Amino acid sequence: MEYVKLGNTGLEVSKFCLGCMSYGQSDTGVMKWPWTLSEQDSRPFIKSALEAGINFFDTANVYSHGESERVLGRAIRDFAKRDDVVVATKVYMPMGHGPNHKGLSRKAIFSEIDNSLERLGMDYVDLYIIHRFDYETPLEETLEALNEVVRAGKARYLGASSMYAWQFMKALGLQRATGWAPFVSMQNYYNLIYREEEREMLRLCLSEGIGVTPWSPLARGRLARPWQDEPETERAKTDAFANRLYPKSAHLDKPVVDRLIEVASARGDSPAQVALAWMLHKPGITSPVVGATKPKHLDDALKALSIKLSDEEIARLEEPYLPHEAPEGFS
């Protein structure tokens, strides 16, 4: 396994981060997903990731209404030493039906960090990420609260996720002007069939020394197989968020997937391996967040580390791309 610094910090993370969204099942809460794995079925993937040298794990309070955090926390206690791993979790999404059980208010942040730590069974998280930009809370209130979370020792670093580049730069500017703990990472939606982040966000992160940890680098599996007009997996059939990510983009996405299949076939590699290798070749990418619900998912990620794409192959992969609108719910 290769390790890299997370942005302009001294923190070293594996070149891939294991995303834990699919781990843990819950019958309660705002988000209930029939495609998630039981704790018993989840634990082998976390153990295998650790054995492969992956030290970076990503979850969120909202994933299976906290069950993902519980599953990850117990697995880390059983399979690793706390100081050997980097654990990220998130705040923003609704965790209840009351008006203060969501968002990035001071009240919500202070409640949710404590709730996350209790579920994880940890004294601190390494990276505390705001899941989205909160238009209903003053940015200064959010950033000051996050600073206090760091100063209290409940989080080592702060990260952000999907938002506009101007919003992220405004937040960074306020943090620097006030001396508050800064964001050190950006977890954005980026892959071969959605490259709009290349316009501003990735350039901003390179300029400001921000680590980039893209989510859904295989586009919910669309970059792991030949194009399917009607996806066959249980998750594809029941994942409502995916319907917002890909509402009317088949005419844009299919040519990219077809080209990926051509390049991968010519190399003798799988499409997933080539798609992940392409991402690792992009400037500024630190540690893509990969999910794993089958052994081959981890295998593909690990094999992608050794794939060296030529400039010609990268150009062929990128050539069919056409601009996309930002998916609903990104900001």
Protein backbone atom coordinates (compact mmCIF):
# COMPACT_ATOMS: atom_id res chain seq x y z
CA MET A 1 0.00 0.00 0.00
CA GLU A 2 1.13 3.54 -0.77
CA TYR A 3 0.53 6.39 1.67
CA VAL A 4 0.23 10.11 0.95
CA LYS A 5 -0.18 13.28 2.99
CA LEU A 6 -3.73 14.55 3.32
CA GLY A 7 -3.38 17.99 1.82
CA ASN A 8 -0.95 20.29 3.62
CA THR A 9 -1.00 18.23 6.81
CA GLY A 10 1.34 15.71 8.33
CA LEU A 11 -1.40 13.07 8.33
CA GLU A 12 -0.65 10.09 6.10
CA VAL A 13 -3.50 8.16 4.52
CA SER A 14 -3.65 5.17 2.20
CA LYS A 15 -4.11 5.83 -1.52
CA PHE A 16 -7.61 4.44 -1.18
CA CYS A 17 -10.14 5.08 1.55
CA LEU A 18 -12.70 2.39 2.41
CA GLY A 19 -16.18 3.89 2.29
CA CYS A 20 -18.49 2.34 4.88
CA MET A 21 -21.85 3.56 3.58
CA SER A 22 -22.93 -0.02 2.80
CA TYR A 23 -22.09 -1.40 6.26
CA GLY A 24 -24.76 -1.77 8.92
CA GLN A 25 -28.53 -2.09 8.70
CA SER A 26 -31.23 -0.06 10.41
CA ASP A 27 -35.03 -0.24 10.43
CA THR A 28 -35.31 3.28 11.84
CA GLY A 29 -34.19 6.75 10.90
CA VAL A 30 -34.58 9.11 8.00
CA MET A 31 -32.53 6.99 5.57
CA LYS A 32 -33.27 3.26 5.34
CA TRP A 33 -31.48 1.32 2.63
CA PRO A 34 -32.38 -2.28 1.74
CA TRP A 35 -29.04 -2.86 0.00
CA THR A 36 -26.77 -2.43 3.02
CA LEU A 37 -24.92 -5.38 4.60
CA SER A 38 -25.41 -6.80 8.05
CA GLU A 39 -22.64 -6.30 10.59
CA GLN A 40 -21.61 -9.93 10.20
CA ASP A 41 -21.27 -9.52 6.44
CA SER A 42 -19.57 -6.11 6.74
CA ARG A 43 -16.74 -7.00 9.09
CA PRO A 44 -14.71 -9.15 6.65
CA PHE A 45 -14.37 -6.19 4.27
CA ILE A 46 -13.03 -3.92 7.00
CA LYS A 47 -10.63 -6.63 8.11
CA SER A 48 -9.46 -7.30 4.55
CA ALA A 49 -8.91 -3.58 3.98
CA LEU A 50 -6.76 -3.38 7.10
CA GLU A 51 -4.77 -6.44 6.05
CA ALA A 52 -4.15 -4.82 2.65
CA GLY A 53 -2.71 -1.74 4.34
CA ILE A 54 -5.71 0.58 3.99
CA ASN A 55 -5.69 2.85 7.04
CA PHE A 56 -8.36 5.37 5.99
CA PHE A 57 -12.06 4.71 6.69
CA ASP A 58 -15.01 6.95 5.85
CA THR A 59 -18.50 6.87 7.35
CA ALA A 60 -21.24 9.34 8.35
CA ASN A 61 -23.79 9.75 11.10
CA VAL A 62 -26.63 9.32 8.62
CA TYR A 63 -25.44 6.03 7.09
CA SER A 64 -28.05 3.50 8.20
CA HIS A 65 -28.98 5.97 10.95
CA GLY A 66 -25.72 5.50 12.83
CA GLU A 67 -25.32 1.76 12.34
CA SER A 68 -22.39 2.23 9.97
CA GLU A 69 -20.50 4.10 12.69
CA ARG A 70 -21.25 1.36 15.22
CA VAL A 71 -20.13 -1.41 12.85
CA LEU A 72 -16.93 0.42 11.92
CA GLY A 73 -16.10 1.27 15.53
CA ARG A 74 -16.46 -2.30 16.74
CA ALA A 75 -14.44 -3.65 13.82
CA ILE A 76 -11.61 -1.19 14.46
CA ARG A 77 -11.49 -2.20 18.11
CA ASP A 78 -11.34 -5.88 17.16
CA PHE A 79 -8.97 -5.73 14.20
CA ALA A 80 -6.67 -2.72 14.69
CA LYS A 81 -5.13 -0.23 17.09
CA ARG A 82 -6.95 3.08 17.18
CA ASP A 83 -3.83 5.14 16.53
CA ASP A 84 -3.03 3.08 13.43
CA VAL A 85 -6.17 4.15 11.54
CA VAL A 86 -7.66 7.36 10.21
CA VAL A 87 -11.42 7.57 10.76
CA ALA A 88 -13.66 10.14 9.08
CA THR A 89 -17.32 10.78 9.76
CA LYS A 90 -19.75 13.48 8.69
CA VAL A 91 -22.46 15.86 9.89
CA TYR A 92 -25.34 17.72 8.19
CA MET A 93 -27.96 15.22 7.04
CA PRO A 94 -31.18 14.70 9.07
CA MET A 95 -30.85 12.39 12.05
CA GLY A 96 -34.39 12.88 13.29
CA HIS A 97 -37.64 14.66 12.48
CA GLY A 98 -37.16 17.71 14.71
CA PRO A 99 -35.96 21.02 13.24
CA ASN A 100 -32.61 20.88 15.08
CA HIS A 101 -31.69 17.32 14.13
CA LYS A 102 -30.06 18.39 10.88
CA GLY A 103 -27.83 21.03 9.38
CA LEU A 104 -24.71 22.77 10.63
CA SER A 105 -25.94 24.92 13.49
CA ARG A 106 -23.86 25.11 16.67
CA LYS A 107 -26.48 22.98 18.42
CA ALA A 108 -26.52 20.31 15.72
CA ILE A 109 -22.73 20.09 15.41
CA PHE A 110 -22.15 19.79 19.16
CA SER A 111 -24.86 17.15 19.50
CA GLU A 112 -23.84 15.12 16.46
CA ILE A 113 -20.11 14.95 17.18
CA ASP A 114 -20.88 13.52 20.62
CA ASN A 115 -23.41 11.09 19.18
CA SER A 116 -20.95 9.95 16.51
CA LEU A 117 -18.16 9.42 19.04
CA GLU A 118 -20.49 7.38 21.24
CA ARG A 119 -21.53 5.16 18.32
CA LEU A 120 -17.94 4.75 17.15
CA GLY A 121 -16.75 4.06 20.69
CA MET A 122 -13.91 6.54 20.20
CA ASP A 123 -12.62 9.63 21.98
CA TYR A 124 -12.00 11.46 18.72
CA VAL A 125 -12.33 11.22 14.95
CA ASP A 126 -9.40 12.03 12.73
CA LEU A 127 -11.44 13.88 10.12
CA TYR A 128 -14.82 15.56 10.74
CA ILE A 129 -16.54 16.41 7.45
CA ILE A 130 -19.48 18.69 6.74
CA HIS A 131 -21.65 16.60 4.41
CA ARG A 132 -23.11 19.56 2.51
CA PHE A 133 -23.19 23.37 2.61
CA ASP A 134 -25.88 24.69 4.96
CA TYR A 135 -27.74 27.63 3.42
CA GLU A 136 -29.87 28.10 6.54
CA THR A 137 -27.07 28.65 9.07
CA PRO A 138 -24.57 31.55 9.07
CA LEU A 139 -21.26 30.24 7.82
CA GLU A 140 -19.44 31.92 10.73
CA GLU A 141 -21.57 29.98 13.23
CA THR A 142 -20.71 26.68 11.54
CA LEU A 143 -16.99 27.38 11.28
CA GLU A 144 -16.67 28.61 14.87
CA ALA A 145 -18.47 25.51 16.15
CA LEU A 146 -16.22 23.24 14.10
CA ASN A 147 -13.17 25.06 15.46
CA GLU A 148 -14.35 24.36 19.00
CA VAL A 149 -14.81 20.68 18.15
CA VAL A 150 -11.14 20.55 17.12
CA ARG A 151 -9.92 22.58 20.10
CA ALA A 152 -11.83 20.24 22.42
CA GLY A 153 -9.89 17.30 20.96
CA LYS A 154 -12.96 15.61 19.50
CA ALA A 155 -11.63 15.88 15.93
CA ARG A 156 -8.07 16.16 14.67
CA TYR A 157 -8.86 17.73 11.28
CA LEU A 158 -11.82 19.17 9.38
CA GLY A 159 -13.06 18.33 5.90
CA ALA A 160 -15.84 19.44 3.56
CA SER A 161 -17.92 17.74 0.89
CA SER A 162 -19.84 18.62 -2.27
CA MET A 163 -20.34 22.37 -2.67
CA TYR A 164 -19.47 25.18 -5.06
CA ALA A 165 -15.85 26.31 -5.23
CA TRP A 166 -16.74 29.86 -4.19
CA GLN A 167 -18.43 28.54 -1.06
CA PHE A 168 -15.39 26.49 -0.15
CA MET A 169 -13.00 29.39 -0.74
CA LYS A 170 -15.19 31.70 1.35
CA ALA A 171 -15.03 29.20 4.21
CA LEU A 172 -11.25 28.83 3.89
CA GLY A 173 -10.88 32.61 3.89
CA LEU A 174 -12.93 33.01 7.07
CA GLN A 175 -10.98 30.25 8.80
CA ARG A 176 -7.68 31.88 7.93
CA ALA A 177 -8.82 35.36 8.90
CA THR A 178 -10.00 34.22 12.33
CA GLY A 179 -7.37 31.58 13.07
CA TRP A 180 -10.00 28.86 13.26
CA ALA A 181 -9.12 25.26 12.42
CA PRO A 182 -9.16 24.98 8.61
CA PHE A 183 -10.66 22.50 6.21
CA VAL A 184 -7.87 20.24 4.96
CA SER A 185 -9.83 18.01 2.57
CA MET A 186 -12.62 18.09 0.01
CA GLN A 187 -14.77 15.00 -0.62
CA ASN A 188 -16.48 15.74 -3.91
CA TYR A 189 -18.32 13.80 -6.59
CA TYR A 190 -15.83 13.06 -9.35
CA ASN A 191 -15.32 10.23 -11.83
CA LEU A 192 -14.99 9.55 -15.56
CA ILE A 193 -18.64 10.34 -16.26
CA TYR A 194 -18.82 13.43 -14.03
CA ARG A 195 -15.79 15.68 -14.46
CA GLU A 196 -17.29 19.10 -13.83
CA GLU A 197 -15.09 19.44 -10.72
CA GLU A 198 -12.11 19.91 -13.03
CA ARG A 199 -13.39 23.38 -13.91
CA GLU A 200 -12.90 25.02 -10.51
CA MET A 201 -12.89 22.80 -7.43
CA LEU A 202 -9.91 20.62 -8.29
CA ARG A 203 -7.91 23.66 -9.37
CA LEU A 204 -8.81 25.41 -6.13
CA CYS A 205 -7.74 22.41 -4.05
CA LEU A 206 -4.41 22.20 -5.87
CA SER A 207 -3.83 25.91 -5.33
CA GLU A 208 -4.72 25.85 -1.65
CA GLY A 209 -3.13 22.54 -0.68
CA ILE A 210 -6.39 20.73 0.01
CA GLY A 211 -6.52 16.93 -0.10
CA VAL A 212 -9.14 15.54 -2.50
CA THR A 213 -10.97 12.32 -1.60
CA PRO A 214 -13.65 11.82 -4.28
CA TRP A 215 -16.77 9.84 -3.51
CA SER A 216 -18.35 7.39 -5.96
CA PRO A 217 -15.25 7.05 -8.16
CA LEU A 218 -17.00 4.23 -10.04
CA ALA A 219 -20.29 6.14 -10.41
CA ARG A 220 -22.39 3.69 -8.41
CA GLY A 221 -20.93 0.79 -10.40
CA ARG A 222 -21.63 2.29 -13.81
CA LEU A 223 -17.89 2.34 -14.52
CA ALA A 224 -17.42 -1.27 -13.50
CA ARG A 225 -19.39 -3.00 -16.25
CA PRO A 226 -20.75 -2.53 -19.78
CA TRP A 227 -23.53 0.03 -19.98
CA GLN A 228 -26.93 -1.10 -18.72
CA ASP A 229 -30.03 0.95 -19.48
CA GLU A 230 -31.76 -0.85 -16.64
CA PRO A 231 -29.26 -1.56 -13.82
CA GLU A 232 -29.77 -4.98 -12.33
CA THR A 233 -28.38 -4.66 -8.81
CA GLU A 234 -30.64 -4.27 -5.78
CA ARG A 235 -28.93 -1.03 -4.90
CA ALA A 236 -29.44 0.40 -8.37
CA LYS A 237 -33.14 -0.43 -8.16
CA THR A 238 -33.69 1.13 -4.73
CA ASP A 239 -31.07 3.89 -4.42
CA ALA A 240 -33.16 7.05 -4.69
CA PHE A 241 -30.10 9.31 -4.59
CA ALA A 242 -28.68 7.59 -7.66
CA ASN A 243 -31.80 8.62 -9.57
CA ARG A 244 -30.90 12.23 -8.78
CA LEU A 245 -27.28 11.70 -9.82
CA TYR A 246 -28.20 10.22 -13.20
CA PRO A 247 -31.64 11.62 -14.09
CA LYS A 248 -31.26 12.20 -17.84
CA SER A 249 -27.60 11.64 -18.54
CA ALA A 250 -27.57 8.25 -20.30
CA HIS A 251 -26.86 9.86 -23.67
CA LEU A 252 -23.83 11.58 -22.11
CA ASP A 253 -22.58 8.68 -20.00
CA LYS A 254 -22.91 5.65 -22.28
CA PRO A 255 -20.20 6.78 -24.76
CA VAL A 256 -17.76 7.24 -21.87
CA VAL A 257 -18.53 3.79 -20.48
CA ASP A 258 -18.23 2.24 -23.94
CA ARG A 259 -14.79 3.83 -24.38
CA LEU A 260 -13.72 2.65 -20.92
CA ILE A 261 -14.69 -0.91 -21.89
CA GLU A 262 -12.61 -0.63 -25.08
CA VAL A 263 -9.50 0.63 -23.28
CA ALA A 264 -9.82 -1.89 -20.45
CA SER A 265 -10.32 -4.79 -22.88
CA ALA A 266 -7.27 -3.78 -24.90
CA ARG A 267 -5.18 -3.74 -21.73
CA GLY A 268 -6.60 -6.96 -20.29
CA ASP A 269 -7.73 -5.14 -17.13
CA SER A 270 -11.21 -4.74 -15.70
CA PRO A 271 -13.15 -1.50 -16.33
CA ALA A 272 -13.18 -0.75 -12.60
CA GLN A 273 -9.40 -1.06 -12.37
CA VAL A 274 -8.86 1.27 -15.31
CA ALA A 275 -11.41 3.83 -14.07
CA LEU A 276 -9.74 3.93 -10.67
CA ALA A 277 -6.26 4.08 -12.21
CA TRP A 278 -7.40 7.02 -14.34
CA MET A 279 -8.47 8.87 -11.21
CA LEU A 280 -5.18 8.19 -9.45
CA HIS A 281 -3.39 9.75 -12.44
CA LYS A 282 -5.27 13.04 -12.03
CA PRO A 283 -3.35 15.88 -10.34
CA GLY A 284 -4.40 16.60 -6.78
CA ILE A 285 -6.31 13.39 -6.12
CA THR A 286 -5.33 12.08 -2.70
CA SER A 287 -7.46 9.07 -1.75
CA PRO A 288 -10.67 8.08 -3.58
CA VAL A 289 -13.40 6.64 -1.38
CA VAL A 290 -14.23 3.13 -2.61
CA GLY A 291 -17.06 0.94 -1.40
CA ALA A 292 -16.77 -2.83 -1.17
CA THR A 293 -19.61 -5.32 -0.85
CA LYS A 294 -17.89 -8.10 -2.81
CA PRO A 295 -14.26 -9.27 -2.56
CA LYS A 296 -13.56 -8.20 -6.14
CA HIS A 297 -14.32 -4.58 -5.23
CA LEU A 298 -11.30 -4.38 -2.93
CA ASP A 299 -9.22 -6.42 -5.38
CA ASP A 300 -9.96 -3.95 -8.18
CA ALA A 301 -8.89 -1.01 -6.03
CA LEU A 302 -5.64 -2.65 -4.99
CA LYS A 303 -4.78 -3.71 -8.56
CA ALA A 304 -5.48 -0.18 -9.82
CA LEU A 305 -2.52 1.06 -7.76
CA SER A 306 -0.10 -0.74 -10.08
CA ILE A 307 -1.72 0.26 -13.39
CA LYS A 308 0.17 2.90 -15.35
CA LEU A 309 -1.91 4.46 -18.08
CA SER A 310 -0.24 6.09 -21.05
CA ASP A 311 -1.03 9.66 -22.08
CA GLU A 312 -2.76 8.23 -25.14
CA GLU A 313 -4.97 5.95 -23.03
CA ILE A 314 -5.93 8.82 -20.74
CA ALA A 315 -6.80 10.98 -23.76
CA ARG A 316 -8.95 8.19 -25.21
CA LEU A 317 -10.79 7.73 -21.92
CA GLU A 318 -11.52 11.45 -21.64
CA GLU A 319 -12.33 12.20 -25.29
CA PRO A 320 -16.08 11.24 -25.26
CA TYR A 321 -16.93 13.39 -22.24
CA LEU A 322 -19.52 16.15 -22.58
CA PRO A 323 -20.51 18.75 -19.94
CA HIS A 324 -23.06 17.81 -17.26
CA GLU A 325 -25.35 19.85 -15.09
CA ALA A 326 -24.68 19.64 -11.34
CA PRO A 327 -26.88 16.88 -9.87
CA GLU A 328 -29.83 17.86 -7.72
CA GLY A 329 -29.02 18.23 -4.04
CA PHE A 330 -25.31 19.02 -4.44
CA SER A 331 -25.54 22.42 -2.78
